[in-house]
PDB file of all heavy atoms in Angstrom:
ATOM      1  N   GLY A   1      73.650 -18.464 124.443  1.00  0.00           N
ATOM      2  CA  GLY A   1      73.923 -19.504 125.421  1.00  0.00           C
ATOM      3  C   GLY A   1      72.717 -20.379 125.651  1.00  0.00           C
ATOM      4  O   GLY A   1      71.741 -20.330 124.903  1.00  0.00           O
ATOM      5  N   LEU A   2      72.807 -21.169 126.707  1.00  0.00           N
ATOM      6  CA  LEU A   2      71.724 -22.073 127.095  1.00  0.00           C
ATOM      7  C   LEU A   2      70.946 -21.431 128.245  1.00  0.00           C
ATOM      8  O   LEU A   2      71.542 -21.000 129.245  1.00  0.00           O
ATOM      9  CB  LEU A   2      72.308 -23.414 127.536  1.00  0.00           C
ATOM     10  CG  LEU A   2      71.336 -24.425 128.136  1.00  0.00           C
ATOM     11  CD1 LEU A   2      70.291 -24.851 127.115  1.00  0.00           C
ATOM     12  CD2 LEU A   2      72.105 -25.638 128.672  1.00  0.00           C
ATOM     13  N   VAL A   3      69.633 -21.393 128.106  1.00  0.00           N
ATOM     14  CA  VAL A   3      68.786 -20.788 129.133  1.00  0.00           C
ATOM     15  C   VAL A   3      67.520 -21.613 129.278  1.00  0.00           C
ATOM     16  O   VAL A   3      67.062 -22.232 128.308  1.00  0.00           O
ATOM     17  CB  VAL A   3      68.473 -19.314 128.781  1.00  0.00           C
ATOM     18  CG1 VAL A   3      67.671 -19.220 127.499  1.00  0.00           C
ATOM     19  CG2 VAL A   3      67.790 -18.591 129.923  1.00  0.00           C
ATOM     20  N   GLN A   4      66.962 -21.623 130.464  1.00  0.00           N
ATOM     21  CA  GLN A   4      65.722 -22.352 130.692  1.00  0.00           C
ATOM     22  C   GLN A   4      64.527 -21.565 130.167  1.00  0.00           C
ATOM     23  O   GLN A   4      64.589 -20.327 130.072  1.00  0.00           O
ATOM     24  CB  GLN A   4      65.542 -22.611 132.179  1.00  0.00           C
ATOM     25  CG  GLN A   4      66.549 -23.586 132.764  1.00  0.00           C
ATOM     26  CD  GLN A   4      66.244 -23.943 134.200  1.00  0.00           C
ATOM     27  OE1 GLN A   4      65.522 -23.229 134.905  1.00  0.00           O
ATOM     28  NE2 GLN A   4      66.805 -25.059 134.657  1.00  0.00           N
ATOM     29  N   PRO A   5      63.447 -22.244 129.833  1.00  0.00           N
ATOM     30  CA  PRO A   5      62.233 -21.527 129.423  1.00  0.00           C
ATOM     31  C   PRO A   5      61.826 -20.499 130.474  1.00  0.00           C
ATOM     32  O   PRO A   5      61.892 -20.772 131.676  1.00  0.00           O
ATOM     33  CB  PRO A   5      61.198 -22.641 129.299  1.00  0.00           C
ATOM     34  CG  PRO A   5      62.009 -23.853 128.955  1.00  0.00           C
ATOM     35  CD  PRO A   5      63.287 -23.710 129.731  1.00  0.00           C
ATOM     36  N   GLY A   6      61.438 -19.317 129.994  1.00  0.00           N
ATOM     37  CA  GLY A   6      61.100 -18.224 130.895  1.00  0.00           C
ATOM     38  C   GLY A   6      62.269 -17.336 131.243  1.00  0.00           C
ATOM     39  O   GLY A   6      62.076 -16.268 131.848  1.00  0.00           O
ATOM     40  N   GLY A   7      63.462 -17.752 130.879  1.00  0.00           N
ATOM     41  CA  GLY A   7      64.660 -16.991 131.193  1.00  0.00           C
ATOM     42  C   GLY A   7      64.921 -15.856 130.214  1.00  0.00           C
ATOM     43  O   GLY A   7      64.130 -15.614 129.298  1.00  0.00           O
ATOM     44  N   SER A   8      66.046 -15.190 130.421  1.00  0.00           N
ATOM     45  CA  SER A   8      66.406 -14.025 129.614  1.00  0.00           C
ATOM     46  C   SER A   8      67.849 -14.113 129.138  1.00  0.00           C
ATOM     47  O   SER A   8      68.695 -14.731 129.796  1.00  0.00           O
ATOM     48  CB  SER A   8      66.249 -12.732 130.441  1.00  0.00           C
ATOM     49  OG  SER A   8      64.918 -12.538 130.845  1.00  0.00           O
ATOM     50  N   LEU A   9      68.088 -13.484 128.013  1.00  0.00           N
ATOM     51  CA  LEU A   9      69.437 -13.291 127.480  1.00  0.00           C
ATOM     52  C   LEU A   9      69.498 -11.923 126.820  1.00  0.00           C
ATOM     53  O   LEU A   9      68.476 -11.425 126.323  1.00  0.00           O
ATOM     54  CB  LEU A   9      69.789 -14.354 126.436  1.00  0.00           C
ATOM     55  CG  LEU A   9      70.123 -15.772 126.905  1.00  0.00           C
ATOM     56  CD1 LEU A   9      70.268 -16.687 125.688  1.00  0.00           C
ATOM     57  CD2 LEU A   9      71.377 -15.802 127.746  1.00  0.00           C
ATOM     58  N   ARG A  10      70.673 -11.344 126.785  1.00  0.00           N
ATOM     59  CA  ARG A  10      70.878 -10.126 126.010  1.00  0.00           C
ATOM     60  C   ARG A  10      71.977 -10.363 124.990  1.00  0.00           C
ATOM     61  O   ARG A  10      73.118 -10.660 125.357  1.00  0.00           O
ATOM     62  CB  ARG A  10      71.251  -8.929 126.896  1.00  0.00           C
ATOM     63  CG  ARG A  10      71.260  -7.620 126.108  1.00  0.00           C
ATOM     64  CD  ARG A  10      71.533  -6.413 126.946  1.00  0.00           C
ATOM     65  NE  ARG A  10      72.956  -6.211 127.212  1.00  0.00           N
ATOM     66  CZ  ARG A  10      73.520  -5.045 127.482  1.00  0.00           C
ATOM     67  NH1 ARG A  10      72.764  -3.951 127.529  1.00  0.00           N
ATOM     68  NH2 ARG A  10      74.808  -4.953 127.730  1.00  0.00           N
ATOM     69  N   LEU A  11      71.607 -10.233 123.737  1.00  0.00           N
ATOM     70  CA  LEU A  11      72.566 -10.371 122.647  1.00  0.00           C
ATOM     71  C   LEU A  11      73.150  -9.003 122.307  1.00  0.00           C
ATOM     72  O   LEU A  11      72.455  -7.990 122.374  1.00  0.00           O
ATOM     73  CB  LEU A  11      71.904 -10.964 121.413  1.00  0.00           C
ATOM     74  CG  LEU A  11      71.188 -12.303 121.587  1.00  0.00           C
ATOM     75  CD1 LEU A  11      70.673 -12.794 120.228  1.00  0.00           C
ATOM     76  CD2 LEU A  11      72.069 -13.334 122.238  1.00  0.00           C
ATOM     77  N   SER A  12      74.410  -9.013 121.921  1.00  0.00           N
ATOM     78  CA  SER A  12      75.079  -7.799 121.474  1.00  0.00           C
ATOM     79  C   SER A  12      75.592  -7.995 120.060  1.00  0.00           C
ATOM     80  O   SER A  12      75.988  -9.098 119.683  1.00  0.00           O
ATOM     81  CB  SER A  12      76.253  -7.459 122.391  1.00  0.00           C
ATOM     82  OG  SER A  12      75.828  -7.206 123.706  1.00  0.00           O
ATOM     83  N   CYS A  13      75.597  -6.907 119.312  1.00  0.00           N
ATOM     84  CA  CYS A  13      76.122  -6.906 117.945  1.00  0.00           C
ATOM     85  C   CYS A  13      77.067  -5.716 117.855  1.00  0.00           C
ATOM     86  O   CYS A  13      76.622  -4.564 117.834  1.00  0.00           O
ATOM     87  CB  CYS A  13      74.984  -6.781 116.950  1.00  0.00           C
ATOM     88  SG  CYS A  13      75.499  -6.516 115.240  1.00  0.00           S
ATOM     89  N   ALA A  14      78.358  -5.992 117.847  1.00  0.00           N
ATOM     90  CA  ALA A  14      79.367  -4.940 117.830  1.00  0.00           C
ATOM     91  C   ALA A  14      79.963  -4.813 116.439  1.00  0.00           C
ATOM     92  O   ALA A  14      80.345  -5.811 115.826  1.00  0.00           O
ATOM     93  CB  ALA A  14      80.456  -5.255 118.846  1.00  0.00           C
ATOM     94  N   ALA A  15      80.058  -3.578 115.965  1.00  0.00           N
ATOM     95  CA  ALA A  15      80.631  -3.312 114.650  1.00  0.00           C
ATOM     96  C   ALA A  15      82.066  -2.833 114.789  1.00  0.00           C
ATOM     97  O   ALA A  15      82.398  -2.092 115.710  1.00  0.00           O
ATOM     98  CB  ALA A  15      79.805  -2.261 113.921  1.00  0.00           C
ATOM     99  N   SER A  16      82.885  -3.242 113.859  1.00  0.00           N
ATOM    100  CA  SER A  16      84.259  -2.743 113.795  1.00  0.00           C
ATOM    101  C   SER A  16      84.590  -2.450 112.337  1.00  0.00           C
ATOM    102  O   SER A  16      84.090  -3.103 111.427  1.00  0.00           O
ATOM    103  CB  SER A  16      85.250  -3.760 114.380  1.00  0.00           C
ATOM    104  OG  SER A  16      85.224  -4.963 113.660  1.00  0.00           O
ATOM    105  N   GLY A  17      85.422  -1.441 112.139  1.00  0.00           N
ATOM    106  CA  GLY A  17      85.813  -1.069 110.789  1.00  0.00           C
ATOM    107  C   GLY A  17      84.871  -0.087 110.127  1.00  0.00           C
ATOM    108  O   GLY A  17      85.158   0.391 109.028  1.00  0.00           O
ATOM    109  N   PHE A  18      83.726   0.180 110.738  1.00  0.00           N
ATOM    110  CA  PHE A  18      82.795   1.173 110.229  1.00  0.00           C
ATOM    111  C   PHE A  18      81.895   1.615 111.373  1.00  0.00           C
ATOM    112  O   PHE A  18      81.768   0.928 112.380  1.00  0.00           O
ATOM    113  CB  PHE A  18      81.966   0.621 109.057  1.00  0.00           C
ATOM    114  CG  PHE A  18      80.982  -0.470 109.424  1.00  0.00           C
ATOM    115  CD1 PHE A  18      79.622  -0.211 109.430  1.00  0.00           C
ATOM    116  CD2 PHE A  18      81.419  -1.759 109.739  1.00  0.00           C
ATOM    117  CE1 PHE A  18      78.714  -1.215 109.745  1.00  0.00           C
ATOM    118  CE2 PHE A  18      80.518  -2.768 110.048  1.00  0.00           C
ATOM    119  CZ  PHE A  18      79.153  -2.492 110.046  1.00  0.00           C
ATOM    120  N   THR A  19      81.251   2.775 111.178  1.00  0.00           N
ATOM    121  CA  THR A  19      80.348   3.278 112.204  1.00  0.00           C
ATOM    122  C   THR A  19      78.913   2.917 111.851  1.00  0.00           C
ATOM    123  O   THR A  19      78.506   2.998 110.695  1.00  0.00           O
ATOM    124  CB  THR A  19      80.484   4.804 112.370  1.00  0.00           C
ATOM    125  OG1 THR A  19      79.535   5.253 113.337  1.00  0.00           O
ATOM    126  CG2 THR A  19      80.250   5.533 111.062  1.00  0.00           C
ATOM    127  N   LEU A  20      78.166   2.509 112.872  1.00  0.00           N
ATOM    128  CA  LEU A  20      76.795   2.072 112.651  1.00  0.00           C
ATOM    129  C   LEU A  20      75.788   3.215 112.541  1.00  0.00           C
ATOM    130  O   LEU A  20      74.615   2.967 112.283  1.00  0.00           O
ATOM    131  CB  LEU A  20      76.360   1.151 113.794  1.00  0.00           C
ATOM    132  CG  LEU A  20      76.826  -0.313 113.732  1.00  0.00           C
ATOM    133  CD1 LEU A  20      76.392  -1.047 114.987  1.00  0.00           C
ATOM    134  CD2 LEU A  20      76.319  -1.016 112.496  1.00  0.00           C
ATOM    135  N   ASP A  21      76.235   4.447 112.732  1.00  0.00           N
ATOM    136  CA  ASP A  21      75.301   5.574 112.806  1.00  0.00           C
ATOM    137  C   ASP A  21      74.358   5.657 111.610  1.00  0.00           C
ATOM    138  O   ASP A  21      73.194   6.012 111.753  1.00  0.00           O
ATOM    139  CB  ASP A  21      76.072   6.894 112.902  1.00  0.00           C
ATOM    140  CG  ASP A  21      76.839   7.037 114.192  1.00  0.00           C
ATOM    141  OD1 ASP A  21      77.411   6.033 114.630  1.00  0.00           O
ATOM    142  OD2 ASP A  21      76.850   8.141 114.749  1.00  0.00           O
ATOM    143  N   TYR A  22      74.869   5.338 110.409  1.00  0.00           N
ATOM    144  CA  TYR A  22      74.060   5.484 109.204  1.00  0.00           C
ATOM    145  C   TYR A  22      73.509   4.152 108.713  1.00  0.00           C
ATOM    146  O   TYR A  22      73.123   4.016 107.546  1.00  0.00           O
ATOM    147  CB  TYR A  22      74.868   6.168 108.112  1.00  0.00           C
ATOM    148  CG  TYR A  22      75.261   7.566 108.495  1.00  0.00           C
ATOM    149  CD1 TYR A  22      76.565   7.869 108.857  1.00  0.00           C
ATOM    150  CD2 TYR A  22      74.313   8.590 108.526  1.00  0.00           C
ATOM    151  CE1 TYR A  22      76.930   9.146 109.225  1.00  0.00           C
ATOM    152  CE2 TYR A  22      74.664   9.876 108.903  1.00  0.00           C
ATOM    153  CZ  TYR A  22      75.966  10.152 109.246  1.00  0.00           C
ATOM    154  OH  TYR A  22      76.318  11.417 109.619  1.00  0.00           O
ATOM    155  N   TYR A  23      73.488   3.187 109.618  1.00  0.00           N
ATOM    156  CA  TYR A  23      73.021   1.853 109.253  1.00  0.00           C
ATOM    157  C   TYR A  23      71.831   1.443 110.119  1.00  0.00           C
ATOM    158  O   TYR A  23      71.856   1.590 111.343  1.00  0.00           O
ATOM    159  CB  TYR A  23      74.122   0.816 109.470  1.00  0.00           C
ATOM    160  CG  TYR A  23      75.242   0.882 108.463  1.00  0.00           C
ATOM    161  CD1 TYR A  23      76.247   1.839 108.580  1.00  0.00           C
ATOM    162  CD2 TYR A  23      75.298  -0.015 107.403  1.00  0.00           C
ATOM    163  CE1 TYR A  23      77.279   1.899 107.650  1.00  0.00           C
ATOM    164  CE2 TYR A  23      76.323   0.037 106.481  1.00  0.00           C
ATOM    165  CZ  TYR A  23      77.309   0.995 106.611  1.00  0.00           C
ATOM    166  OH  TYR A  23      78.326   1.045 105.698  1.00  0.00           O
ATOM    167  N   ALA A  24      70.806   0.927 109.459  1.00  0.00           N
ATOM    168  CA  ALA A  24      69.806   0.174 110.201  1.00  0.00           C
ATOM    169  C   ALA A  24      70.416  -1.183 110.540  1.00  0.00           C
ATOM    170  O   ALA A  24      71.250  -1.702 109.800  1.00  0.00           O
ATOM    171  CB  ALA A  24      68.550  -0.014 109.362  1.00  0.00           C
ATOM    172  N   VAL A  25      69.996  -1.748 111.648  1.00  0.00           N
ATOM    173  CA  VAL A  25      70.511  -3.057 112.056  1.00  0.00           C
ATOM    174  C   VAL A  25      69.331  -3.991 112.305  1.00  0.00           C
ATOM    175  O   VAL A  25      68.347  -3.612 112.938  1.00  0.00           O
ATOM    176  CB  VAL A  25      71.372  -2.954 113.323  1.00  0.00           C
ATOM    177  CG1 VAL A  25      71.761  -4.343 113.834  1.00  0.00           C
ATOM    178  CG2 VAL A  25      72.626  -2.132 113.027  1.00  0.00           C
ATOM    179  N   GLY A  26      69.457  -5.177 111.783  1.00  0.00           N
ATOM    180  CA  GLY A  26      68.426  -6.187 111.990  1.00  0.00           C
ATOM    181  C   GLY A  26      68.976  -7.392 112.719  1.00  0.00           C
ATOM    182  O   GLY A  26      70.156  -7.717 112.602  1.00  0.00           O
ATOM    183  N   TRP A  27      68.100  -8.021 113.484  1.00  0.00           N
ATOM    184  CA  TRP A  27      68.410  -9.322 114.085  1.00  0.00           C
ATOM    185  C   TRP A  27      67.575 -10.371 113.361  1.00  0.00           C
ATOM    186  O   TRP A  27      66.365 -10.201 113.177  1.00  0.00           O
ATOM    187  CB  TRP A  27      68.068  -9.344 115.572  1.00  0.00           C
ATOM    188  CG  TRP A  27      69.080  -8.668 116.439  1.00  0.00           C
ATOM    189  CD1 TRP A  27      69.012  -7.409 116.952  1.00  0.00           C
ATOM    190  CD2 TRP A  27      70.306  -9.225 116.914  1.00  0.00           C
ATOM    191  NE1 TRP A  27      70.130  -7.141 117.706  1.00  0.00           N
ATOM    192  CE2 TRP A  27      70.938  -8.247 117.702  1.00  0.00           C
ATOM    193  CE3 TRP A  27      70.945 -10.462 116.764  1.00  0.00           C
ATOM    194  CZ2 TRP A  27      72.176  -8.451 118.335  1.00  0.00           C
ATOM    195  CZ3 TRP A  27      72.166 -10.676 117.388  1.00  0.00           C
ATOM    196  CH2 TRP A  27      72.764  -9.676 118.164  1.00  0.00           C
ATOM    197  N   PHE A  28      68.225 -11.446 112.976  1.00  0.00           N
ATOM    198  CA  PHE A  28      67.583 -12.551 112.290  1.00  0.00           C
ATOM    199  C   PHE A  28      67.916 -13.831 113.051  1.00  0.00           C
ATOM    200  O   PHE A  28      68.865 -13.883 113.823  1.00  0.00           O
ATOM    201  CB  PHE A  28      68.094 -12.653 110.850  1.00  0.00           C
ATOM    202  CG  PHE A  28      67.751 -11.461 110.008  1.00  0.00           C
ATOM    203  CD1 PHE A  28      68.495 -10.291 110.095  1.00  0.00           C
ATOM    204  CD2 PHE A  28      66.684 -11.505 109.127  1.00  0.00           C
ATOM    205  CE1 PHE A  28      68.168  -9.179 109.334  1.00  0.00           C
ATOM    206  CE2 PHE A  28      66.355 -10.402 108.347  1.00  0.00           C
ATOM    207  CZ  PHE A  28      67.098  -9.240 108.463  1.00  0.00           C
ATOM    208  N   ARG A  29      67.144 -14.866 112.811  1.00  0.00           N
ATOM    209  CA  ARG A  29      67.459 -16.145 113.444  1.00  0.00           C
ATOM    210  C   ARG A  29      67.149 -17.281 112.479  1.00  0.00           C
ATOM    211  O   ARG A  29      66.292 -17.162 111.598  1.00  0.00           O
ATOM    212  CB  ARG A  29      66.686 -16.335 114.754  1.00  0.00           C
ATOM    213  CG  ARG A  29      65.182 -16.463 114.602  1.00  0.00           C
ATOM    214  CD  ARG A  29      64.519 -16.507 115.974  1.00  0.00           C
ATOM    215  NE  ARG A  29      63.070 -16.651 115.882  1.00  0.00           N
ATOM    216  CZ  ARG A  29      62.242 -16.585 116.921  1.00  0.00           C
ATOM    217  NH1 ARG A  29      62.736 -16.369 118.153  1.00  0.00           N
ATOM    218  NH2 ARG A  29      60.940 -16.719 116.756  1.00  0.00           N
ATOM    219  N   GLN A  30      67.866 -18.379 112.675  1.00  0.00           N
ATOM    220  CA  GLN A  30      67.662 -19.549 111.831  1.00  0.00           C
ATOM    221  C   GLN A  30      67.717 -20.793 112.701  1.00  0.00           C
ATOM    222  O   GLN A  30      68.746 -21.084 113.310  1.00  0.00           O
ATOM    223  CB  GLN A  30      68.711 -19.621 110.724  1.00  0.00           C
ATOM    224  CG  GLN A  30      68.446 -20.709 109.710  1.00  0.00           C
ATOM    225  CD  GLN A  30      69.269 -20.530 108.454  1.00  0.00           C
ATOM    226  OE1 GLN A  30      70.272 -19.817 108.428  1.00  0.00           O
ATOM    227  NE2 GLN A  30      68.826 -21.171 107.375  1.00  0.00           N
TER     228      GLN A  30
END
């Protein structure tokens, strides 16, 4: 979303169709 400088956000990454237990997860940005 849109946030002012100094603010906070929490991103979520939800998996479906498989379990994340055996997966490393990375966050990337562009």
